[in-house]
Amino acid sequence: MKTTNKLIIILGPTAVGKTDFSIETALGYGSPVISCDSRQIYKEMSIGTAVPSPEQLAAVRHYFIQSHPVDQLYTAGMYEIEALKLIRELFAQGHETLVMAGGSGFYIDALVNGLDDFPAADLELRDELTRRLKEEGVESLRLELKAMDPVSYNTIDIANGQRVVRALEVCLATGRPFSSFKTSPNRKREFEIEKIGLTRPRDVLYDRINRRVVQMIDDGLVEEVRSLQRWRNLAALQTVGYKEIFQLFDYQAGLVPEQEPGTPGDGPVKTLDRAVELIQRNTRHYAKRQLSYWNRDKSIRWMEL
C-alpha cells in the first residue's frame, strides 16, 4: 500500500531557529528544504534577509533561496503555482515526506489553502501607493482602506504596509472591496500537511534578534543596502533592515529635515547606531506580528526550542 505523501511546514518568528531545525528535519527524511520566505527568494538580498549560510545550503538542497531577481514582480500567487509544481515533481521522484520552512504567513497560506482569483497587479497604481506609504506612512493608507473596505481593515495585518498597499490597490483598481475576492473555499491538496511552529521564551527570542542584527551589520548590511539604492521603491525593499538604512542614507545626503521637538515618530536616522536600534526594535515588532498571525491557526503544533 502506498504511503501517503506528507509536507511538513516548519514556521515561526524571525530568528527563532527555523533554518537549523528544518535542515536537521530534512536530513532525517532525505528531503530537500523548500523555502517559504518572501524575501530570501531574491538574489540581491542575502544579508538583510538572513539567508542560510554556505555551509547550511551545502547540508541539504534548498529551493526558492535567491532564485528570483529583486526587480521581477513576485507574488504569493506565483509562489503557490511554482511551489506546488515543485512539490508534485519531488513526490513523483519518490520522496514520501518533504520539508518546507519559512516565516511568510501569506506564502504559507497560499500554498496550503490556495489564493482567490485576485486581479492582476496594477503596477503604476502600486508604485504610487508605495510612494505614498514612504512619504505619508501607513496610517494614511489604512484609514483610506477602512473607508473603502472595513472588512479587510479588520482582518488583515494593517501594521504591514505592503498588505495595506495591496488591499487598497485592488479596491481602487476594481471598484470592489479587496475582501469581496476572498470568497472561494480552501483548495484541497492531494498530500497531507503538518505544520510545526517553533517558539522560544520571549527574552531569548529578542536577544537572538538583537544579536542577529549586529551580526548583519558586521557582515556588510550597509554595503548590501547601498547596492540596492536604485530599487529602493520596490515593494521588496520596504523591509525591516533595509528601510532603516535607506533612511540613514537620506539623512547623510541632506534629504531629511530636522524634526520639530514634540513631533511624533522616530525622527531622522542620523547615525548607524540609531539605525541598528530601529532595526532591532522593528524586527521584534515583526516577530510579534508573525506570532499573532499564526495564533489563529489551530492546526499548528507548537514546539519551544
C-alpha atoms as a PDB file:
ATOM      1  CA  MET A   1       0.000   0.000   0.000  1.00  0.00           C
ATOM      2  CA  LYS A   2       1.399   3.387  -0.993  1.00  0.00           C
ATOM      3  CA  THR A   3       2.397   5.660   1.857  1.00  0.00           C
ATOM      4  CA  THR A   4       0.534   8.974   1.925  1.00  0.00           C
ATOM      5  CA  ASN A   5       2.771  11.835   0.882  1.00  0.00           C
ATOM      6  CA  LYS A   6       3.330  14.447   3.570  1.00  0.00           C
ATOM      7  CA  LEU A   7       4.562  18.035   3.560  1.00  0.00           C
ATOM      8  CA  ILE A   8       5.982  19.234   6.887  1.00  0.00           C
ATOM      9  CA  ILE A   9       5.912  23.030   7.172  1.00  0.00           C
ATOM     10  CA  ILE A  10       8.249  24.492   9.785  1.00  0.00           C
ATOM     11  CA  LEU A  11       7.245  28.025  10.660  1.00  0.00           C
ATOM     12  CA  GLY A  12       7.852  30.545  13.399  1.00  0.00           C
ATOM     13  CA  PRO A  13       9.005  34.094  14.086  1.00  0.00           C
ATOM     14  CA  THR A  14      12.160  35.543  12.628  1.00  0.00           C
ATOM     15  CA  ALA A  15      15.406  34.415  14.319  1.00  0.00           C
ATOM     16  CA  VAL A  16      13.730  31.561  16.193  1.00  0.00           C
ATOM     17  CA  GLY A  17      15.973  28.945  14.542  1.00  0.00           C
ATOM     18  CA  LYS A  18      13.915  27.639  11.618  1.00  0.00           C
ATOM     19  CA  THR A  19      16.922  27.131   9.336  1.00  0.00           C
ATOM     20  CA  ASP A  20      18.856  24.736  11.569  1.00  0.00           C
ATOM     21  CA  PHE A  21      15.706  22.895  12.651  1.00  0.00           C
ATOM     22  CA  SER A  22      14.490  22.443   9.069  1.00  0.00           C
ATOM     23  CA  ILE A  23      17.869  21.161   7.891  1.00  0.00           C
ATOM     24  CA  GLU A  24      18.005  18.622  10.726  1.00  0.00           C
ATOM     25  CA  THR A  25      14.441  17.532   9.934  1.00  0.00           C
ATOM     26  CA  ALA A  26      15.124  17.319   6.205  1.00  0.00           C
ATOM     27  CA  LEU A  27      18.219  15.185   6.736  1.00  0.00           C
ATOM     28  CA  GLY A  28      16.106  12.755   8.749  1.00  0.00           C
ATOM     29  CA  TYR A  29      13.697  12.306   5.847  1.00  0.00           C
ATOM     30  CA  GLY A  30      16.170  12.573   2.985  1.00  0.00           C
ATOM     31  CA  SER A  31      14.298  15.668   1.855  1.00  0.00           C
ATOM     32  CA  PRO A  32      15.424  18.988   0.446  1.00  0.00           C
ATOM     33  CA  VAL A  33      14.268  22.181   2.170  1.00  0.00           C
ATOM     34  CA  ILE A  34      11.673  24.199   0.282  1.00  0.00           C
ATOM     35  CA  SER A  35      11.923  27.796   1.456  1.00  0.00           C
ATOM     36  CA  CYS A  36       8.751  29.763   2.043  1.00  0.00           C
ATOM     37  CA  ASP A  37      10.203  33.208   2.646  1.00  0.00           C
ATOM     38  CA  SER A  38       9.049  36.197   0.625  1.00  0.00           C
ATOM     39  CA  ARG A  39      12.420  37.977   0.878  1.00  0.00           C
ATOM     40  CA  GLN A  40      15.055  35.220   0.818  1.00  0.00           C
ATOM     41  CA  ILE A  41      13.760  34.415  -2.652  1.00  0.00           C
ATOM     42  CA  TYR A  42      15.544  37.477  -4.083  1.00  0.00           C
ATOM     43  CA  LYS A  43      19.066  37.082  -5.466  1.00  0.00           C
ATOM     44  CA  GLU A  44      20.283  40.512  -4.392  1.00  0.00           C
ATOM     45  CA  MET A  45      19.027  40.329  -0.783  1.00  0.00           C
ATOM     46  CA  SER A  46      21.084  37.991   1.360  1.00  0.00           C
ATOM     47  CA  ILE A  47      22.496  39.641   4.477  1.00  0.00           C
ATOM     48  CA  GLY A  48      19.374  41.534   5.494  1.00  0.00           C
ATOM     49  CA  THR A  49      17.137  38.505   4.897  1.00  0.00           C
ATOM     50  CA  ALA A  50      19.409  36.084   6.806  1.00  0.00           C
ATOM     51  CA  VAL A  51      19.628  33.531   4.013  1.00  0.00           C
ATOM     52  CA  PRO A  52      21.169  30.217   5.067  1.00  0.00           C
ATOM     53  CA  SER A  53      24.969  30.184   5.191  1.00  0.00           C
ATOM     54  CA  PRO A  54      27.004  28.376   2.503  1.00  0.00           C
ATOM     55  CA  GLU A  55      27.519  25.530   4.995  1.00  0.00           C
ATOM     56  CA  GLN A  56      23.773  25.263   5.630  1.00  0.00           C
ATOM     57  CA  LEU A  57      22.977  25.383   1.931  1.00  0.00           C
ATOM     58  CA  ALA A  58      25.530  22.608   1.355  1.00  0.00           C
ATOM     59  CA  ALA A  59      23.993  20.366   4.018  1.00  0.00           C
ATOM     60  CA  VAL A  60      20.797  19.774   2.022  1.00  0.00           C
ATOM     61  CA  ARG A  61      19.444  21.078  -1.240  1.00  0.00           C
ATOM     62  CA  HIS A  62      17.382  24.255  -0.873  1.00  0.00           C
ATOM     63  CA  TYR A  63      14.740  25.619  -3.236  1.00  0.00           C
ATOM     64  CA  PHE A  64      13.457  29.208  -3.538  1.00  0.00           C
ATOM     65  CA  ILE A  65      16.581  30.708  -1.978  1.00  0.00           C
ATOM     66  CA  GLN A  66      17.911  33.649  -4.044  1.00  0.00           C
ATOM     67  CA  SER A  67      16.157  32.253  -7.080  1.00  0.00           C
ATOM     68  CA  HIS A  68      14.485  35.396  -8.471  1.00  0.00           C
ATOM     69  CA  PRO A  69      15.781  38.906  -9.303  1.00  0.00           C
ATOM     70  CA  VAL A  70      14.590  41.673  -6.997  1.00  0.00           C
ATOM     71  CA  ASP A  71      13.254  43.796  -9.875  1.00  0.00           C
ATOM     72  CA  GLN A  72      10.967  40.992 -11.033  1.00  0.00           C
ATOM     73  CA  LEU A  73       7.438  41.208  -9.642  1.00  0.00           C
ATOM     74  CA  TYR A  74       6.788  38.153  -7.492  1.00  0.00           C
ATOM     75  CA  THR A  75       3.582  37.406  -5.630  1.00  0.00           C
ATOM     76  CA  ALA A  76       2.159  34.832  -3.260  1.00  0.00           C
ATOM     77  CA  GLY A  77       0.010  33.583  -6.132  1.00  0.00           C
ATOM     78  CA  MET A  78       3.079  32.940  -8.241  1.00  0.00           C
ATOM     79  CA  TYR A  79       4.696  31.168  -5.304  1.00  0.00           C
ATOM     80  CA  GLU A  80       1.646  28.929  -4.924  1.00  0.00           C
ATOM     81  CA  ILE A  81       1.935  27.822  -8.557  1.00  0.00           C
ATOM     82  CA  GLU A  82       5.716  27.307  -8.581  1.00  0.00           C
ATOM     83  CA  ALA A  83       5.935  25.635  -5.167  1.00  0.00           C
ATOM     84  CA  LEU A  84       3.063  23.233  -5.889  1.00  0.00           C
ATOM     85  CA  LYS A  85       4.676  22.247  -9.179  1.00  0.00           C
ATOM     86  CA  LEU A  86       7.978  21.553  -7.401  1.00  0.00           C
ATOM     87  CA  ILE A  87       6.334  19.600  -4.567  1.00  0.00           C
ATOM     88  CA  ARG A  88       4.459  17.370  -7.005  1.00  0.00           C
ATOM     89  CA  GLU A  89       7.633  16.743  -9.002  1.00  0.00           C
ATOM     90  CA  LEU A  90       9.562  15.791  -5.849  1.00  0.00           C
ATOM     91  CA  PHE A  91       6.823  13.418  -4.705  1.00  0.00           C
ATOM     92  CA  ALA A  92       6.797  11.865  -8.185  1.00  0.00           C
ATOM     93  CA  GLN A  93      10.548  11.310  -7.888  1.00  0.00           C
ATOM     94  CA  GLY A  94       9.964   9.113  -4.845  1.00  0.00           C
ATOM     95  CA  HIS A  95      10.063  11.424  -1.834  1.00  0.00           C
ATOM     96  CA  GLU A  96       7.404  10.481   0.694  1.00  0.00           C
ATOM     97  CA  THR A  97       7.961  13.375   3.099  1.00  0.00           C
ATOM     98  CA  LEU A  98       9.076  16.882   2.177  1.00  0.00           C
ATOM     99  CA  VAL A  99      10.179  19.738   4.415  1.00  0.00           C
ATOM    100  CA  MET A 100       9.208  23.368   3.901  1.00  0.00           C
ATOM    101  CA  ALA A 101      10.429  26.206   6.116  1.00  0.00           C
ATOM    102  CA  GLY A 102       9.716  29.903   6.321  1.00  0.00           C
ATOM    103  CA  GLY A 103       8.224  32.816   8.145  1.00  0.00           C
ATOM    104  CA  SER A 104       5.982  34.315   5.464  1.00  0.00           C
ATOM    105  CA  GLY A 105       2.473  33.564   6.633  1.00  0.00           C
ATOM    106  CA  PHE A 106       0.803  34.756   3.431  1.00  0.00           C
ATOM    107  CA  TYR A 107       3.002  32.499   1.283  1.00  0.00           C
ATOM    108  CA  ILE A 108       2.330  29.536   3.575  1.00  0.00           C
ATOM    109  CA  ASP A 109      -1.420  30.198   3.404  1.00  0.00           C
ATOM    110  CA  ALA A 110      -1.220  30.417  -0.383  1.00  0.00           C
ATOM    111  CA  LEU A 111       0.490  27.027  -0.565  1.00  0.00           C
ATOM    112  CA  VAL A 112      -1.796  25.327   1.954  1.00  0.00           C
ATOM    113  CA  ASN A 113      -5.173  26.842   1.110  1.00  0.00           C
ATOM    114  CA  GLY A 114      -4.762  28.437  -2.292  1.00  0.00           C
ATOM    115  CA  LEU A 115      -5.493  32.045  -3.159  1.00  0.00           C
ATOM    116  CA  ASP A 116      -8.589  33.522  -4.670  1.00  0.00           C
ATOM    117  CA  ASP A 117      -8.507  34.818  -8.214  1.00  0.00           C
ATOM    118  CA  PHE A 118      -7.380  38.342  -7.436  1.00  0.00           C
ATOM    119  CA  PRO A 119      -6.975  40.765 -10.335  1.00  0.00           C
ATOM    120  CA  ALA A 120      -3.518  41.209 -11.813  1.00  0.00           C
ATOM    121  CA  ALA A 121      -1.337  43.818 -10.167  1.00  0.00           C
ATOM    122  CA  ASP A 122      -1.705  47.400 -11.366  1.00  0.00           C
ATOM    123  CA  LEU A 123       1.992  48.282 -11.220  1.00  0.00           C
ATOM    124  CA  GLU A 124       1.547  52.013 -11.848  1.00  0.00           C
ATOM    125  CA  LEU A 125      -1.025  52.278  -9.074  1.00  0.00           C
ATOM    126  CA  ARG A 126       1.102  50.127  -6.781  1.00  0.00           C
ATOM    127  CA  ASP A 127       4.118  52.381  -7.368  1.00  0.00           C
ATOM    128  CA  GLU A 128       2.027  55.415  -6.470  1.00  0.00           C
ATOM    129  CA  LEU A 129       0.681  53.791  -3.291  1.00  0.00           C
ATOM    130  CA  THR A 130       4.190  52.652  -2.354  1.00  0.00           C
ATOM    131  CA  ARG A 131       5.402  56.238  -2.776  1.00  0.00           C
ATOM    132  CA  ARG A 132       2.585  57.425  -0.522  1.00  0.00           C
ATOM    133  CA  LEU A 133       3.455  54.741   2.017  1.00  0.00           C
ATOM    134  CA  LYS A 134       7.006  56.058   2.141  1.00  0.00           C
ATOM    135  CA  GLU A 135       6.031  59.726   2.324  1.00  0.00           C
ATOM    136  CA  GLU A 136       2.834  59.620   4.395  1.00  0.00           C
ATOM    137  CA  GLY A 137       3.259  56.473   6.446  1.00  0.00           C
ATOM    138  CA  VAL A 138       0.910  53.516   6.719  1.00  0.00           C
ATOM    139  CA  GLU A 139      -1.704  55.336   8.824  1.00  0.00           C
ATOM    140  CA  SER A 140      -2.940  57.483   5.923  1.00  0.00           C
ATOM    141  CA  LEU A 141      -3.347  54.473   3.647  1.00  0.00           C
ATOM    142  CA  ARG A 142      -5.057  52.267   6.191  1.00  0.00           C
ATOM    143  CA  LEU A 143      -7.610  54.976   7.007  1.00  0.00           C
ATOM    144  CA  GLU A 144      -8.403  55.105   3.293  1.00  0.00           C
ATOM    145  CA  LEU A 145      -8.714  51.311   3.273  1.00  0.00           C
ATOM    146  CA  LYS A 146     -11.004  51.466   6.318  1.00  0.00           C
ATOM    147  CA  ALA A 147     -13.363  53.763   4.424  1.00  0.00           C
ATOM    148  CA  MET A 148     -13.377  51.600   1.292  1.00  0.00           C
ATOM    149  CA  ASP A 149     -13.244  48.125   2.816  1.00  0.00           C
ATOM    150  CA  PRO A 150     -13.843  47.894   6.579  1.00  0.00           C
ATOM    151  CA  VAL A 151     -13.868  44.084   6.400  1.00  0.00           C
ATOM    152  CA  SER A 152     -10.280  43.958   5.160  1.00  0.00           C
ATOM    153  CA  TYR A 153      -9.287  46.695   7.604  1.00  0.00           C
ATOM    154  CA  ASN A 154     -10.446  44.466  10.454  1.00  0.00           C
ATOM    155  CA  THR A 155      -8.943  41.218   9.164  1.00  0.00           C
ATOM    156  CA  ILE A 156      -5.560  41.891   7.527  1.00  0.00           C
ATOM    157  CA  ASP A 157      -2.364  42.924   9.303  1.00  0.00           C
ATOM    158  CA  ILE A 158      -2.833  46.691   8.993  1.00  0.00           C
ATOM    159  CA  ALA A 159       0.592  47.321  10.524  1.00  0.00           C
ATOM    160  CA  ASN A 160       2.097  45.725   7.408  1.00  0.00           C
ATOM    161  CA  GLY A 161       2.353  48.499   4.849  1.00  0.00           C
ATOM    162  CA  GLN A 162       2.648  46.127   1.905  1.00  0.00           C
ATOM    163  CA  ARG A 163      -0.561  44.297   2.876  1.00  0.00           C
ATOM    164  CA  VAL A 164      -2.369  47.627   3.104  1.00  0.00           C
ATOM    165  CA  VAL A 165      -0.982  48.762  -0.258  1.00  0.00           C
ATOM    166  CA  ARG A 166      -2.117  45.563  -1.992  1.00  0.00           C
ATOM    167  CA  ALA A 167      -5.618  45.685  -0.481  1.00  0.00           C
ATOM    168  CA  LEU A 168      -6.023  49.357  -1.354  1.00  0.00           C
ATOM    169  CA  GLU A 169      -4.640  48.760  -4.844  1.00  0.00           C
ATOM    170  CA  VAL A 170      -7.346  46.153  -5.524  1.00  0.00           C
ATOM    171  CA  CYS A 171     -10.074  48.430  -4.127  1.00  0.00           C
ATOM    172  CA  LEU A 172      -9.003  51.375  -6.275  1.00  0.00           C
ATOM    173  CA  ALA A 173      -8.321  49.364  -9.425  1.00  0.00           C
ATOM    174  CA  THR A 174     -11.548  47.337  -9.424  1.00  0.00           C
ATOM    175  CA  GLY A 175     -14.024  49.460  -7.515  1.00  0.00           C
ATOM    176  CA  ARG A 176     -14.702  46.408  -5.368  1.00  0.00           C
ATOM    177  CA  PRO A 177     -13.636  45.714  -1.799  1.00  0.00           C
ATOM    178  CA  PHE A 178     -10.489  43.611  -1.505  1.00  0.00           C
ATOM    179  CA  SER A 179     -12.443  41.345   0.861  1.00  0.00           C
ATOM    180  CA  SER A 180     -15.011  40.572  -1.859  1.00  0.00           C
ATOM    181  CA  PHE A 181     -12.436  38.458  -3.674  1.00  0.00           C
ATOM    182  CA  LYS A 182     -11.955  36.213  -0.637  1.00  0.00           C
ATOM    183  CA  THR A 183     -14.931  34.007  -1.302  1.00  0.00           C
ATOM    184  CA  SER A 184     -13.680  30.701  -2.676  1.00  0.00           C
ATOM    185  CA  PRO A 185     -13.260  27.727  -0.323  1.00  0.00           C
ATOM    186  CA  ASN A 186      -9.844  26.420   0.578  1.00  0.00           C
ATOM    187  CA  ARG A 187      -8.394  24.172  -2.076  1.00  0.00           C
ATOM    188  CA  LYS A 188      -7.827  20.573  -1.073  1.00  0.00           C
ATOM    189  CA  ARG A 189      -4.264  19.391  -1.572  1.00  0.00           C
ATOM    190  CA  GLU A 190      -3.593  15.790  -2.526  1.00  0.00           C
ATOM    191  CA  PHE A 191      -0.958  15.371   0.191  1.00  0.00           C
ATOM    192  CA  GLU A 192      -1.017  15.549   3.965  1.00  0.00           C
ATOM    193  CA  ILE A 193       0.183  18.792   5.545  1.00  0.00           C
ATOM    194  CA  GLU A 194       1.673  19.049   9.037  1.00  0.00           C
ATOM    195  CA  LYS A 195       2.592  22.446  10.479  1.00  0.00           C
ATOM    196  CA  ILE A 196       5.218  22.731  13.211  1.00  0.00           C
ATOM    197  CA  GLY A 197       5.554  26.128  14.871  1.00  0.00           C
ATOM    198  CA  LEU A 198       8.806  26.973  16.658  1.00  0.00           C
ATOM    199  CA  THR A 199       8.934  29.296  19.645  1.00  0.00           C
ATOM    200  CA  ARG A 200      11.385  30.420  22.291  1.00  0.00           C
ATOM    201  CA  PRO A 201      10.913  32.361  25.534  1.00  0.00           C
ATOM    202  CA  ARG A 202      10.404  35.995  24.603  1.00  0.00           C
ATOM    203  CA  ASP A 203      13.607  37.255  26.230  1.00  0.00           C
ATOM    204  CA  VAL A 204      15.622  34.581  24.433  1.00  0.00           C
ATOM    205  CA  LEU A 205      13.998  35.356  21.068  1.00  0.00           C
ATOM    206  CA  TYR A 206      14.550  39.087  21.467  1.00  0.00           C
ATOM    207  CA  ASP A 207      18.190  38.552  22.402  1.00  0.00           C
ATOM    208  CA  ARG A 208      18.663  36.393  19.295  1.00  0.00           C
ATOM    209  CA  ILE A 209      17.078  39.123  17.174  1.00  0.00           C
ATOM    210  CA  ASN A 210      19.297  41.835  18.656  1.00  0.00           C
ATOM    211  CA  ARG A 211      22.470  39.799  18.162  1.00  0.00           C
ATOM    212  CA  ARG A 212      21.478  38.828  14.629  1.00  0.00           C
ATOM    213  CA  VAL A 213      21.094  42.487  13.635  1.00  0.00           C
ATOM    214  CA  VAL A 214      24.569  43.301  14.969  1.00  0.00           C
ATOM    215  CA  GLN A 215      25.947  40.344  13.004  1.00  0.00           C
ATOM    216  CA  MET A 216      24.231  41.588   9.845  1.00  0.00           C
ATOM    217  CA  ILE A 217      25.991  44.936  10.209  1.00  0.00           C
ATOM    218  CA  ASP A 218      29.318  43.152  10.726  1.00  0.00           C
ATOM    219  CA  ASP A 219      28.622  41.027   7.639  1.00  0.00           C
ATOM    220  CA  GLY A 220      28.140  44.097   5.433  1.00  0.00           C
ATOM    221  CA  LEU A 221      24.440  45.028   5.550  1.00  0.00           C
ATOM    222  CA  VAL A 222      25.137  48.713   4.913  1.00  0.00           C
ATOM    223  CA  GLU A 223      27.039  47.888   1.716  1.00  0.00           C
ATOM    224  CA  GLU A 224      24.297  45.483   0.605  1.00  0.00           C
ATOM    225  CA  VAL A 225      21.629  48.158   1.068  1.00  0.00           C
ATOM    226  CA  ARG A 226      23.787  50.701  -0.776  1.00  0.00           C
ATOM    227  CA  SER A 227      23.957  48.310  -3.743  1.00  0.00           C
ATOM    228  CA  LEU A 228      20.150  48.239  -3.861  1.00  0.00           C
ATOM    229  CA  GLN A 229      19.581  52.011  -3.950  1.00  0.00           C
ATOM    230  CA  ARG A 230      18.176  52.019  -7.489  1.00  0.00           C
ATOM    231  CA  TRP A 231      15.432  49.597  -6.457  1.00  0.00           C
ATOM    232  CA  ARG A 232      14.583  51.130  -3.101  1.00  0.00           C
ATOM    233  CA  ASN A 233      10.996  51.991  -4.087  1.00  0.00           C
ATOM    234  CA  LEU A 234      10.140  48.392  -4.958  1.00  0.00           C
ATOM    235  CA  ALA A 235       7.839  46.596  -2.534  1.00  0.00           C
ATOM    236  CA  ALA A 236      10.542  44.016  -1.807  1.00  0.00           C
ATOM    237  CA  LEU A 237      12.776  46.720  -0.325  1.00  0.00           C
ATOM    238  CA  GLN A 238      10.095  48.088   2.027  1.00  0.00           C
ATOM    239  CA  THR A 239      11.508  45.612   4.500  1.00  0.00           C
ATOM    240  CA  VAL A 240      12.882  45.875   8.029  1.00  0.00           C
ATOM    241  CA  GLY A 241      16.662  46.093   7.893  1.00  0.00           C
ATOM    242  CA  TYR A 242      16.645  47.832   4.520  1.00  0.00           C
ATOM    243  CA  LYS A 243      14.301  50.774   5.017  1.00  0.00           C
ATOM    244  CA  GLU A 244      16.137  51.953   8.148  1.00  0.00           C
ATOM    245  CA  ILE A 245      19.481  52.023   6.311  1.00  0.00           C
ATOM    246  CA  PHE A 246      17.884  53.879   3.409  1.00  0.00           C
ATOM    247  CA  GLN A 247      16.664  56.452   5.960  1.00  0.00           C
ATOM    248  CA  LEU A 248      20.248  56.806   7.221  1.00  0.00           C
ATOM    249  CA  PHE A 249      21.474  57.378   3.659  1.00  0.00           C
ATOM    250  CA  ASP A 250      18.778  60.035   3.167  1.00  0.00           C
ATOM    251  CA  TYR A 251      19.891  61.893   6.279  1.00  0.00           C
ATOM    252  CA  GLN A 252      23.551  61.699   5.288  1.00  0.00           C
ATOM    253  CA  ALA A 253      22.634  63.122   1.883  1.00  0.00           C
ATOM    254  CA  GLY A 254      20.769  66.037   3.467  1.00  0.00           C
ATOM    255  CA  LEU A 255      17.392  64.861   2.188  1.00  0.00           C
ATOM    256  CA  VAL A 256      15.655  64.738   5.585  1.00  0.00           C
ATOM    257  CA  PRO A 257      14.784  67.918   7.518  1.00  0.00           C
ATOM    258  CA  GLU A 258      15.359  68.117  11.248  1.00  0.00           C
ATOM    259  CA  GLN A 259      12.309  67.030  13.216  1.00  0.00           C
ATOM    260  CA  GLU A 260      10.457  69.626  15.234  1.00  0.00           C
ATOM    261  CA  PRO A 261      10.574  68.989  19.004  1.00  0.00           C
ATOM    262  CA  GLY A 262       7.496  67.141  20.217  1.00  0.00           C
ATOM    263  CA  THR A 263       6.662  65.749  16.786  1.00  0.00           C
ATOM    264  CA  PRO A 264       5.557  62.101  16.999  1.00  0.00           C
ATOM    265  CA  GLY A 265       7.588  59.460  15.215  1.00  0.00           C
ATOM    266  CA  ASP A 266      11.139  58.207  15.257  1.00  0.00           C
ATOM    267  CA  GLY A 267      12.656  61.263  13.660  1.00  0.00           C
ATOM    268  CA  PRO A 268      15.630  61.289  11.281  1.00  0.00           C
ATOM    269  CA  VAL A 269      18.010  58.330  11.373  1.00  0.00           C
ATOM    270  CA  LYS A 270      21.235  60.257  11.969  1.00  0.00           C
ATOM    271  CA  THR A 271      23.683  57.509  12.908  1.00  0.00           C
ATOM    272  CA  LEU A 272      24.332  53.857  12.203  1.00  0.00           C
ATOM    273  CA  ASP A 273      23.827  53.103  15.896  1.00  0.00           C
ATOM    274  CA  ARG A 274      20.335  54.592  15.679  1.00  0.00           C
ATOM    275  CA  ALA A 275      19.598  52.566  12.542  1.00  0.00           C
ATOM    276  CA  VAL A 276      20.655  49.395  14.376  1.00  0.00           C
ATOM    277  CA  GLU A 277      18.370  50.251  17.313  1.00  0.00           C
ATOM    278  CA  LEU A 278      15.429  50.755  14.962  1.00  0.00           C
ATOM    279  CA  ILE A 279      16.116  47.545  13.030  1.00  0.00           C
ATOM    280  CA  GLN A 280      16.253  45.607  16.289  1.00  0.00           C
ATOM    281  CA  ARG A 281      13.040  47.179  17.581  1.00  0.00           C
ATOM    282  CA  ASN A 282      11.159  46.823  14.278  1.00  0.00           C
ATOM    283  CA  THR A 283      12.289  43.201  13.932  1.00  0.00           C
ATOM    284  CA  ARG A 284      10.987  42.454  17.433  1.00  0.00           C
ATOM    285  CA  HIS A 285       7.667  44.029  16.469  1.00  0.00           C
ATOM    286  CA  TYR A 286       7.617  41.955  13.276  1.00  0.00           C
ATOM    287  CA  ALA A 287       8.179  38.760  15.285  1.00  0.00           C
ATOM    288  CA  LYS A 288       5.207  39.673  17.489  1.00  0.00           C
ATOM    289  CA  ARG A 289       3.013  40.205  14.409  1.00  0.00           C
ATOM    290  CA  GLN A 290       4.096  36.864  12.986  1.00  0.00           C
ATOM    291  CA  LEU A 291       3.062  35.064  16.171  1.00  0.00           C
ATOM    292  CA  SER A 292      -0.254  36.926  16.287  1.00  0.00           C
ATOM    293  CA  TYR A 293      -0.934  35.954  12.677  1.00  0.00           C
ATOM    294  CA  TRP A 294      -0.369  32.265  13.382  1.00  0.00           C
ATOM    295  CA  ASN A 295      -2.193  32.134  16.690  1.00  0.00           C
ATOM    296  CA  ARG A 296      -5.456  31.947  14.742  1.00  0.00           C
ATOM    297  CA  ASP A 297      -4.347  28.658  13.125  1.00  0.00           C
ATOM    298  CA  LYS A 298      -5.275  25.811  15.458  1.00  0.00           C
ATOM    299  CA  SER A 299      -3.683  23.195  13.184  1.00  0.00           C
ATOM    300  CA  ILE A 300      -0.142  24.287  14.135  1.00  0.00           C
ATOM    301  CA  ARG A 301       1.737  22.075  16.593  1.00  0.00           C
ATOM    302  CA  TRP A 302       3.965  24.378  18.623  1.00  0.00           C
ATOM    303  CA  MET A 303       7.395  23.425  19.947  1.00  0.00           C
ATOM    304  CA  GLU A 304       9.548  25.515  22.255  1.00  0.00           C
ATOM    305  CA  LEU A 305      13.242  25.300  21.455  1.00  0.00           C
END
